[in-house]
Amino acid sequence: MNTHAVRVIYKYEMLRAWETLLQSFASPVLSTSLYFVVFGSAIGSRIEHIEGVSYGAFIVPGLMMLALLTQSISNASFGIFFPKFTGTIYEVMSAPVSFLEILLGYVGAAATKSLIIGLIILATAGFFVPLEIAHPVWMVGFLVLTCISFSLFGFIIGLWANNFEKLQLIPLLVITPLVFLGGSFYSVSMLPPAWQTATLFNPVVYLISGFRWSFFEVSDVSVGLSLSVVLVFLGACLLVVWWMFRTGYRLKQ
């Protein structure tokens, strides 16, 4: 494996994040603070506890997932779309670098940035509500798997998109609604039976449920099922990226 090429791509992408430090890291902290002020104060004053957990603490995993999913997709999609847009991606592809090495560089950097943002949000949440993590190893596991999986998904979007409008289409019209309807700020058990059944078709429910269980041992679906869904999604994304590089989809002119 050409580890030097992986390091070069990875370092370049990470340096780009540091150059936009305010946008990359300060913005999620501000957004998290606003969510706590709005949801924690307005709704939390009316809903004190959900399944034995204070409402302010209950929404922390959902807030983290909301940020992780959007940031992972954004970082990875823009990271590969911009070189494709400017034409510099062809220099990378003509170099003695394999598809796996390109993937490790771009997706690794995007996942790292998302992981940092997730930890920053967790630290920020600690200023608003007391937090206890029941299963820290599982929490880190779900955190890392989510960052990698959705960075891969963002990488696919970046390869698929041929303009900036398409780059934002899926995150805005698909991912964000799924996160809000996936139990980020409420428990699925609070919904009417028919809506509970419909909600189980939302894949984000399984991410948030497993992640929330690692904090409070409270979940809407079993932890094993949540982990299985994440791993299946990860495998599907890897298969799609492999096919895109193998066929040259949206990469060959």
C-alpha atoms as a PDB file:
ATOM      1  CA  MET A   1       0.000   0.000   0.000  1.00  0.00           C
ATOM      2  CA  ASN A   2       1.214   3.504  -0.875  1.00  0.00           C
ATOM      3  CA  THR A   3       1.025   4.956   2.644  1.00  0.00           C
ATOM      4  CA  HIS A   4       2.800   8.134   1.521  1.00  0.00           C
ATOM      5  CA  ALA A   5      -0.050   8.944  -0.899  1.00  0.00           C
ATOM      6  CA  VAL A   6      -2.646   8.253   1.793  1.00  0.00           C
ATOM      7  CA  ARG A   7      -0.841  10.614   4.200  1.00  0.00           C
ATOM      8  CA  VAL A   8      -0.585  13.366   1.579  1.00  0.00           C
ATOM      9  CA  ILE A   9      -4.302  13.275   0.753  1.00  0.00           C
ATOM     10  CA  TYR A  10      -5.235  12.997   4.427  1.00  0.00           C
ATOM     11  CA  LYS A  11      -3.011  15.896   5.515  1.00  0.00           C
ATOM     12  CA  TYR A  12      -4.223  18.116   2.669  1.00  0.00           C
ATOM     13  CA  GLU A  13      -7.862  17.561   3.617  1.00  0.00           C
ATOM     14  CA  MET A  14      -7.155  18.157   7.302  1.00  0.00           C
ATOM     15  CA  LEU A  15      -5.254  21.373   6.535  1.00  0.00           C
ATOM     16  CA  ARG A  16      -8.243  22.592   4.539  1.00  0.00           C
ATOM     17  CA  ALA A  17     -10.379  22.129   7.659  1.00  0.00           C
ATOM     18  CA  TRP A  18      -7.965  24.126   9.821  1.00  0.00           C
ATOM     19  CA  GLU A  19      -8.018  26.968   7.286  1.00  0.00           C
ATOM     20  CA  THR A  20     -11.800  27.177   7.741  1.00  0.00           C
ATOM     21  CA  LEU A  21     -11.659  26.613  11.498  1.00  0.00           C
ATOM     22  CA  LEU A  22     -14.556  28.941  12.338  1.00  0.00           C
ATOM     23  CA  GLN A  23     -16.889  27.278   9.864  1.00  0.00           C
ATOM     24  CA  SER A  24     -15.704  23.729  10.559  1.00  0.00           C
ATOM     25  CA  PHE A  25     -15.728  23.638  14.354  1.00  0.00           C
ATOM     26  CA  ALA A  26     -17.235  26.814  15.830  1.00  0.00           C
ATOM     27  CA  SER A  27     -20.478  26.552  13.859  1.00  0.00           C
ATOM     28  CA  PRO A  28     -21.525  23.147  15.310  1.00  0.00           C
ATOM     29  CA  VAL A  29     -20.838  24.405  18.841  1.00  0.00           C
ATOM     30  CA  LEU A  30     -23.044  27.455  18.264  1.00  0.00           C
ATOM     31  CA  SER A  31     -25.785  25.317  16.716  1.00  0.00           C
ATOM     32  CA  THR A  32     -25.697  22.881  19.644  1.00  0.00           C
ATOM     33  CA  SER A  33     -25.949  25.733  22.133  1.00  0.00           C
ATOM     34  CA  LEU A  34     -28.975  27.136  20.293  1.00  0.00           C
ATOM     35  CA  TYR A  35     -30.668  23.719  20.253  1.00  0.00           C
ATOM     36  CA  PHE A  36     -30.220  23.450  24.013  1.00  0.00           C
ATOM     37  CA  VAL A  37     -31.584  26.950  24.552  1.00  0.00           C
ATOM     38  CA  VAL A  38     -34.621  26.345  22.322  1.00  0.00           C
ATOM     39  CA  PHE A  39     -35.413  22.677  22.950  1.00  0.00           C
ATOM     40  CA  GLY A  40     -33.978  22.400  26.446  1.00  0.00           C
ATOM     41  CA  SER A  41     -35.750  25.499  27.752  1.00  0.00           C
ATOM     42  CA  ALA A  42     -38.971  25.604  25.729  1.00  0.00           C
ATOM     43  CA  ILE A  43     -39.770  21.897  25.464  1.00  0.00           C
ATOM     44  CA  GLY A  44     -37.748  20.694  28.448  1.00  0.00           C
ATOM     45  CA  SER A  45     -39.850  22.840  30.769  1.00  0.00           C
ATOM     46  CA  ARG A  46     -42.923  20.841  29.654  1.00  0.00           C
ATOM     47  CA  ILE A  47     -41.326  17.398  29.238  1.00  0.00           C
ATOM     48  CA  GLU A  48     -39.100  16.852  32.256  1.00  0.00           C
ATOM     49  CA  HIS A  49     -38.222  13.181  31.688  1.00  0.00           C
ATOM     50  CA  ILE A  50     -38.395  10.599  28.906  1.00  0.00           C
ATOM     51  CA  GLU A  51     -38.022   6.977  30.026  1.00  0.00           C
ATOM     52  CA  GLY A  52     -36.362   8.116  33.240  1.00  0.00           C
ATOM     53  CA  VAL A  53     -33.861  10.430  31.531  1.00  0.00           C
ATOM     54  CA  SER A  54     -34.048  14.218  31.786  1.00  0.00           C
ATOM     55  CA  TYR A  55     -35.116  15.741  28.482  1.00  0.00           C
ATOM     56  CA  GLY A  56     -31.991  17.898  28.206  1.00  0.00           C
ATOM     57  CA  ALA A  57     -29.742  14.845  28.460  1.00  0.00           C
ATOM     58  CA  PHE A  58     -32.064  12.708  26.317  1.00  0.00           C
ATOM     59  CA  ILE A  59     -31.582  14.895  23.225  1.00  0.00           C
ATOM     60  CA  VAL A  60     -27.759  14.899  23.417  1.00  0.00           C
ATOM     61  CA  PRO A  61     -27.268  11.700  21.340  1.00  0.00           C
ATOM     62  CA  GLY A  62     -29.780  12.988  18.777  1.00  0.00           C
ATOM     63  CA  LEU A  63     -27.995  16.330  18.524  1.00  0.00           C
ATOM     64  CA  MET A  64     -24.677  14.576  18.070  1.00  0.00           C
ATOM     65  CA  MET A  65     -26.102  12.329  15.356  1.00  0.00           C
ATOM     66  CA  LEU A  66     -27.636  15.303  13.577  1.00  0.00           C
ATOM     67  CA  ALA A  67     -24.245  17.013  13.471  1.00  0.00           C
ATOM     68  CA  LEU A  68     -22.280  13.851  12.666  1.00  0.00           C
ATOM     69  CA  LEU A  69     -24.444  12.847   9.721  1.00  0.00           C
ATOM     70  CA  THR A  70     -24.561  16.302   8.134  1.00  0.00           C
ATOM     71  CA  GLN A  71     -20.888  17.075   8.755  1.00  0.00           C
ATOM     72  CA  SER A  72     -19.644  13.663   7.588  1.00  0.00           C
ATOM     73  CA  ILE A  73     -21.583  13.945   4.335  1.00  0.00           C
ATOM     74  CA  SER A  74     -20.600  17.577   3.794  1.00  0.00           C
ATOM     75  CA  ASN A  75     -16.893  17.068   4.480  1.00  0.00           C
ATOM     76  CA  ALA A  76     -16.545  13.976   2.308  1.00  0.00           C
ATOM     77  CA  SER A  77     -18.732  15.141  -0.588  1.00  0.00           C
ATOM     78  CA  PHE A  78     -17.034  18.514  -0.926  1.00  0.00           C
ATOM     79  CA  GLY A  79     -13.613  16.932  -0.405  1.00  0.00           C
ATOM     80  CA  ILE A  80     -13.937  14.779  -3.539  1.00  0.00           C
ATOM     81  CA  PHE A  81     -16.266  17.063  -5.543  1.00  0.00           C
ATOM     82  CA  PHE A  82     -13.938  20.067  -5.556  1.00  0.00           C
ATOM     83  CA  PRO A  83     -10.952  18.190  -7.107  1.00  0.00           C
ATOM     84  CA  LYS A  84     -13.368  16.694  -9.638  1.00  0.00           C
ATOM     85  CA  PHE A  85     -14.812  20.137 -10.381  1.00  0.00           C
ATOM     86  CA  THR A  86     -11.382  21.711 -10.891  1.00  0.00           C
ATOM     87  CA  GLY A  87      -9.981  18.689 -12.737  1.00  0.00           C
ATOM     88  CA  THR A  88      -7.195  17.963 -10.268  1.00  0.00           C
ATOM     89  CA  ILE A  89      -8.743  14.569  -9.471  1.00  0.00           C
ATOM     90  CA  TYR A  90      -7.356  13.273 -12.769  1.00  0.00           C
ATOM     91  CA  GLU A  91      -3.835  13.949 -11.546  1.00  0.00           C
ATOM     92  CA  VAL A  92      -4.541  11.781  -8.519  1.00  0.00           C
ATOM     93  CA  MET A  93      -6.094   9.036 -10.625  1.00  0.00           C
ATOM     94  CA  SER A  94      -3.181   9.027 -13.077  1.00  0.00           C
ATOM     95  CA  ALA A  95      -0.693   8.626 -10.215  1.00  0.00           C
ATOM     96  CA  PRO A  96       0.297   5.150  -8.953  1.00  0.00           C
ATOM     97  CA  VAL A  97      -2.439   5.286  -6.291  1.00  0.00           C
ATOM     98  CA  SER A  98      -5.146   2.654  -5.916  1.00  0.00           C
ATOM     99  CA  PHE A  99      -8.833   3.273  -5.339  1.00  0.00           C
ATOM    100  CA  LEU A 100      -8.451   2.051  -1.739  1.00  0.00           C
ATOM    101  CA  GLU A 101      -5.647   4.535  -1.023  1.00  0.00           C
ATOM    102  CA  ILE A 102      -7.673   7.434  -2.450  1.00  0.00           C
ATOM    103  CA  LEU A 103     -10.630   6.307  -0.364  1.00  0.00           C
ATOM    104  CA  LEU A 104      -8.574   6.049   2.831  1.00  0.00           C
ATOM    105  CA  GLY A 105      -7.174   9.558   2.354  1.00  0.00           C
ATOM    106  CA  TYR A 106     -10.417  11.396   1.610  1.00  0.00           C
ATOM    107  CA  VAL A 107     -12.836   9.400   3.769  1.00  0.00           C
ATOM    108  CA  GLY A 108     -10.325   9.113   6.616  1.00  0.00           C
ATOM    109  CA  ALA A 109      -9.937  12.892   6.771  1.00  0.00           C
ATOM    110  CA  ALA A 110     -13.704  13.505   6.566  1.00  0.00           C
ATOM    111  CA  ALA A 111     -14.389  10.941   9.308  1.00  0.00           C
ATOM    112  CA  THR A 112     -11.665  12.445  11.519  1.00  0.00           C
ATOM    113  CA  LYS A 113     -13.137  15.933  11.191  1.00  0.00           C
ATOM    114  CA  SER A 114     -16.613  14.622  12.003  1.00  0.00           C
ATOM    115  CA  LEU A 115     -15.286  12.708  14.992  1.00  0.00           C
ATOM    116  CA  ILE A 116     -13.625  15.875  16.350  1.00  0.00           C
ATOM    117  CA  ILE A 117     -16.873  17.797  15.870  1.00  0.00           C
ATOM    118  CA  GLY A 118     -18.820  15.062  17.669  1.00  0.00           C
ATOM    119  CA  LEU A 119     -16.460  15.192  20.655  1.00  0.00           C
ATOM    120  CA  ILE A 120     -16.669  18.994  20.715  1.00  0.00           C
ATOM    121  CA  ILE A 121     -20.480  18.804  20.765  1.00  0.00           C
ATOM    122  CA  LEU A 122     -20.334  16.232  23.574  1.00  0.00           C
ATOM    123  CA  ALA A 123     -18.084  18.548  25.592  1.00  0.00           C
ATOM    124  CA  THR A 124     -20.388  21.506  24.859  1.00  0.00           C
ATOM    125  CA  ALA A 125     -23.434  19.517  25.987  1.00  0.00           C
ATOM    126  CA  GLY A 126     -21.689  18.869  29.297  1.00  0.00           C
ATOM    127  CA  PHE A 127     -21.957  22.585  30.085  1.00  0.00           C
ATOM    128  CA  PHE A 128     -25.752  22.464  29.769  1.00  0.00           C
ATOM    129  CA  VAL A 129     -26.741  19.107  31.262  1.00  0.00           C
ATOM    130  CA  PRO A 130     -25.072  16.497  33.509  1.00  0.00           C
ATOM    131  CA  LEU A 131     -24.029  13.549  31.370  1.00  0.00           C
ATOM    132  CA  GLU A 132     -23.150   9.986  32.292  1.00  0.00           C
ATOM    133  CA  ILE A 133     -22.125   7.511  29.599  1.00  0.00           C
ATOM    134  CA  ALA A 134     -23.159   3.993  30.623  1.00  0.00           C
ATOM    135  CA  HIS A 135     -21.134   2.224  27.927  1.00  0.00           C
ATOM    136  CA  PRO A 136     -18.269   4.460  26.738  1.00  0.00           C
ATOM    137  CA  VAL A 137     -16.723   1.760  24.512  1.00  0.00           C
ATOM    138  CA  TRP A 138     -20.001   1.223  22.686  1.00  0.00           C
ATOM    139  CA  MET A 139     -20.462   4.987  22.442  1.00  0.00           C
ATOM    140  CA  VAL A 140     -17.071   5.424  20.775  1.00  0.00           C
ATOM    141  CA  GLY A 141     -17.779   2.434  18.528  1.00  0.00           C
ATOM    142  CA  PHE A 142     -21.084   3.851  17.283  1.00  0.00           C
ATOM    143  CA  LEU A 143     -19.449   7.266  16.922  1.00  0.00           C
ATOM    144  CA  VAL A 144     -16.605   5.965  14.753  1.00  0.00           C
ATOM    145  CA  LEU A 145     -18.822   3.682  12.653  1.00  0.00           C
ATOM    146  CA  THR A 146     -21.279   6.510  11.991  1.00  0.00           C
ATOM    147  CA  CYS A 147     -18.501   8.915  10.967  1.00  0.00           C
ATOM    148  CA  ILE A 148     -16.954   6.377   8.578  1.00  0.00           C
ATOM    149  CA  SER A 149     -20.270   5.176   7.122  1.00  0.00           C
ATOM    150  CA  PHE A 150     -21.662   8.603   6.346  1.00  0.00           C
ATOM    151  CA  SER A 151     -18.307   9.911   5.145  1.00  0.00           C
ATOM    152  CA  LEU A 152     -18.430   7.061   2.616  1.00  0.00           C
ATOM    153  CA  PHE A 153     -21.990   8.068   1.737  1.00  0.00           C
ATOM    154  CA  GLY A 154     -20.848  11.671   1.310  1.00  0.00           C
ATOM    155  CA  PHE A 155     -17.986  10.463  -0.897  1.00  0.00           C
ATOM    156  CA  ILE A 156     -20.568   8.753  -3.122  1.00  0.00           C
ATOM    157  CA  ILE A 157     -22.613  11.954  -3.315  1.00  0.00           C
ATOM    158  CA  GLY A 158     -19.486  13.934  -4.224  1.00  0.00           C
ATOM    159  CA  LEU A 159     -18.707  11.522  -7.069  1.00  0.00           C
ATOM    160  CA  TRP A 160     -22.325  11.484  -8.264  1.00  0.00           C
ATOM    161  CA  ALA A 161     -22.929  15.250  -8.187  1.00  0.00           C
ATOM    162  CA  ASN A 162     -21.968  17.256 -11.247  1.00  0.00           C
ATOM    163  CA  ASN A 163     -22.878  20.664  -9.803  1.00  0.00           C
ATOM    164  CA  PHE A 164     -23.134  22.392  -6.430  1.00  0.00           C
ATOM    165  CA  GLU A 165     -26.940  22.128  -6.388  1.00  0.00           C
ATOM    166  CA  LYS A 166     -26.842  18.322  -6.513  1.00  0.00           C
ATOM    167  CA  LEU A 167     -24.143  18.344  -3.846  1.00  0.00           C
ATOM    168  CA  GLN A 168     -26.658  19.785  -1.361  1.00  0.00           C
ATOM    169  CA  LEU A 169     -29.744  18.003  -2.653  1.00  0.00           C
ATOM    170  CA  ILE A 170     -29.608  14.732  -0.693  1.00  0.00           C
ATOM    171  CA  PRO A 171     -28.309  16.182   2.621  1.00  0.00           C
ATOM    172  CA  LEU A 172     -31.012  18.874   2.691  1.00  0.00           C
ATOM    173  CA  LEU A 173     -33.999  16.997   1.272  1.00  0.00           C
ATOM    174  CA  VAL A 174     -33.317  13.468   2.519  1.00  0.00           C
ATOM    175  CA  ILE A 175     -30.851  13.206   5.407  1.00  0.00           C
ATOM    176  CA  THR A 176     -31.971  16.171   7.536  1.00  0.00           C
ATOM    177  CA  PRO A 177     -35.700  15.189   7.483  1.00  0.00           C
ATOM    178  CA  LEU A 178     -34.784  11.567   8.283  1.00  0.00           C
ATOM    179  CA  VAL A 179     -32.742  12.700  11.298  1.00  0.00           C
ATOM    180  CA  PHE A 180     -35.522  14.915  12.645  1.00  0.00           C
ATOM    181  CA  LEU A 181     -38.076  12.127  12.111  1.00  0.00           C
ATOM    182  CA  GLY A 182     -35.749   9.467  13.508  1.00  0.00           C
ATOM    183  CA  GLY A 183     -36.232  10.129  17.210  1.00  0.00           C
ATOM    184  CA  SER A 184     -33.553  12.782  17.668  1.00  0.00           C
ATOM    185  CA  PHE A 185     -35.685  14.835  20.058  1.00  0.00           C
ATOM    186  CA  TYR A 186     -38.271  12.295  21.183  1.00  0.00           C
ATOM    187  CA  SER A 187     -38.754   8.600  21.838  1.00  0.00           C
ATOM    188  CA  VAL A 188     -40.422   6.517  19.148  1.00  0.00           C
ATOM    189  CA  SER A 189     -42.611   4.994  21.880  1.00  0.00           C
ATOM    190  CA  MET A 190     -44.291   8.405  22.279  1.00  0.00           C
ATOM    191  CA  LEU A 191     -45.803   8.130  18.779  1.00  0.00           C
ATOM    192  CA  PRO A 192     -49.145   6.507  17.901  1.00  0.00           C
ATOM    193  CA  PRO A 193     -48.817   2.780  16.982  1.00  0.00           C
ATOM    194  CA  ALA A 194     -49.188   3.387  13.233  1.00  0.00           C
ATOM    195  CA  TRP A 195     -46.452   6.028  13.229  1.00  0.00           C
ATOM    196  CA  GLN A 196     -44.204   3.805  15.338  1.00  0.00           C
ATOM    197  CA  THR A 197     -44.387   1.138  12.642  1.00  0.00           C
ATOM    198  CA  ALA A 198     -43.739   3.660   9.874  1.00  0.00           C
ATOM    199  CA  THR A 199     -40.789   5.130  11.767  1.00  0.00           C
ATOM    200  CA  LEU A 200     -39.038   1.744  11.857  1.00  0.00           C
ATOM    201  CA  PHE A 201     -38.505   2.071   8.092  1.00  0.00           C
ATOM    202  CA  ASN A 202     -36.297   5.097   8.783  1.00  0.00           C
ATOM    203  CA  PRO A 203     -32.686   3.808   8.961  1.00  0.00           C
ATOM    204  CA  VAL A 204     -31.600   6.768  11.093  1.00  0.00           C
ATOM    205  CA  VAL A 205     -33.803   5.454  13.931  1.00  0.00           C
ATOM    206  CA  TYR A 206     -31.410   2.539  14.392  1.00  0.00           C
ATOM    207  CA  LEU A 207     -28.350   4.810  14.516  1.00  0.00           C
ATOM    208  CA  ILE A 208     -29.833   7.136  17.108  1.00  0.00           C
ATOM    209  CA  SER A 209     -31.339   4.302  19.141  1.00  0.00           C
ATOM    210  CA  GLY A 210     -28.058   2.404  19.436  1.00  0.00           C
ATOM    211  CA  PHE A 211     -26.123   5.556  20.194  1.00  0.00           C
ATOM    212  CA  ARG A 212     -28.630   6.630  22.858  1.00  0.00           C
ATOM    213  CA  TRP A 213     -28.449   3.181  24.468  1.00  0.00           C
ATOM    214  CA  SER A 214     -24.695   3.613  24.945  1.00  0.00           C
ATOM    215  CA  PHE A 215     -25.474   6.714  27.037  1.00  0.00           C
ATOM    216  CA  PHE A 216     -28.562   5.799  29.060  1.00  0.00           C
ATOM    217  CA  GLU A 217     -29.300   2.107  28.325  1.00  0.00           C
ATOM    218  CA  VAL A 218     -32.535   3.312  26.722  1.00  0.00           C
ATOM    219  CA  SER A 219     -33.352   2.374  23.132  1.00  0.00           C
ATOM    220  CA  ASP A 220     -36.260   2.075  20.720  1.00  0.00           C
ATOM    221  CA  VAL A 221     -34.836  -1.036  19.009  1.00  0.00           C
ATOM    222  CA  SER A 222     -32.340  -3.682  20.084  1.00  0.00           C
ATOM    223  CA  VAL A 223     -28.663  -2.740  20.142  1.00  0.00           C
ATOM    224  CA  GLY A 224     -27.745  -5.752  18.010  1.00  0.00           C
ATOM    225  CA  LEU A 225     -30.170  -4.644  15.298  1.00  0.00           C
ATOM    226  CA  SER A 226     -28.814  -1.089  15.432  1.00  0.00           C
ATOM    227  CA  LEU A 227     -25.247  -2.318  14.999  1.00  0.00           C
ATOM    228  CA  SER A 228     -26.272  -4.651  12.158  1.00  0.00           C
ATOM    229  CA  VAL A 229     -27.951  -1.811  10.257  1.00  0.00           C
ATOM    230  CA  VAL A 230     -24.834   0.375  10.576  1.00  0.00           C
ATOM    231  CA  LEU A 231     -22.559  -2.422   9.340  1.00  0.00           C
ATOM    232  CA  VAL A 232     -24.856  -3.263   6.398  1.00  0.00           C
ATOM    233  CA  PHE A 233     -24.956   0.406   5.397  1.00  0.00           C
ATOM    234  CA  LEU A 234     -21.154   0.600   5.659  1.00  0.00           C
ATOM    235  CA  GLY A 235     -20.737  -2.475   3.469  1.00  0.00           C
ATOM    236  CA  ALA A 236     -23.224  -1.160   0.891  1.00  0.00           C
ATOM    237  CA  CYS A 237     -21.373   2.168   0.660  1.00  0.00           C
ATOM    238  CA  LEU A 238     -18.036   0.391   0.166  1.00  0.00           C
ATOM    239  CA  LEU A 239     -19.548  -1.702  -2.616  1.00  0.00           C
ATOM    240  CA  VAL A 240     -20.970   1.360  -4.398  1.00  0.00           C
ATOM    241  CA  VAL A 241     -17.677   3.276  -4.185  1.00  0.00           C
ATOM    242  CA  TRP A 242     -15.791   0.254  -5.533  1.00  0.00           C
ATOM    243  CA  TRP A 243     -18.227   0.041  -8.469  1.00  0.00           C
ATOM    244  CA  MET A 244     -17.882   3.781  -9.199  1.00  0.00           C
ATOM    245  CA  PHE A 245     -14.106   3.575  -9.392  1.00  0.00           C
ATOM    246  CA  ARG A 246     -14.160   0.322 -11.343  1.00  0.00           C
ATOM    247  CA  THR A 247     -16.526   1.700 -13.989  1.00  0.00           C
ATOM    248  CA  GLY A 248     -15.242   5.287 -13.866  1.00  0.00           C
ATOM    249  CA  TYR A 249     -18.762   6.555 -13.157  1.00  0.00           C
ATOM    250  CA  ARG A 250     -18.745  10.385 -13.264  1.00  0.00           C
ATOM    251  CA  LEU A 251     -14.945  10.254 -13.272  1.00  0.00           C
ATOM    252  CA  LYS A 252     -14.201   9.584 -16.930  1.00  0.00           C
ATOM    253  CA  GLN A 253     -14.954  12.280 -19.447  1.00  0.00           C
END
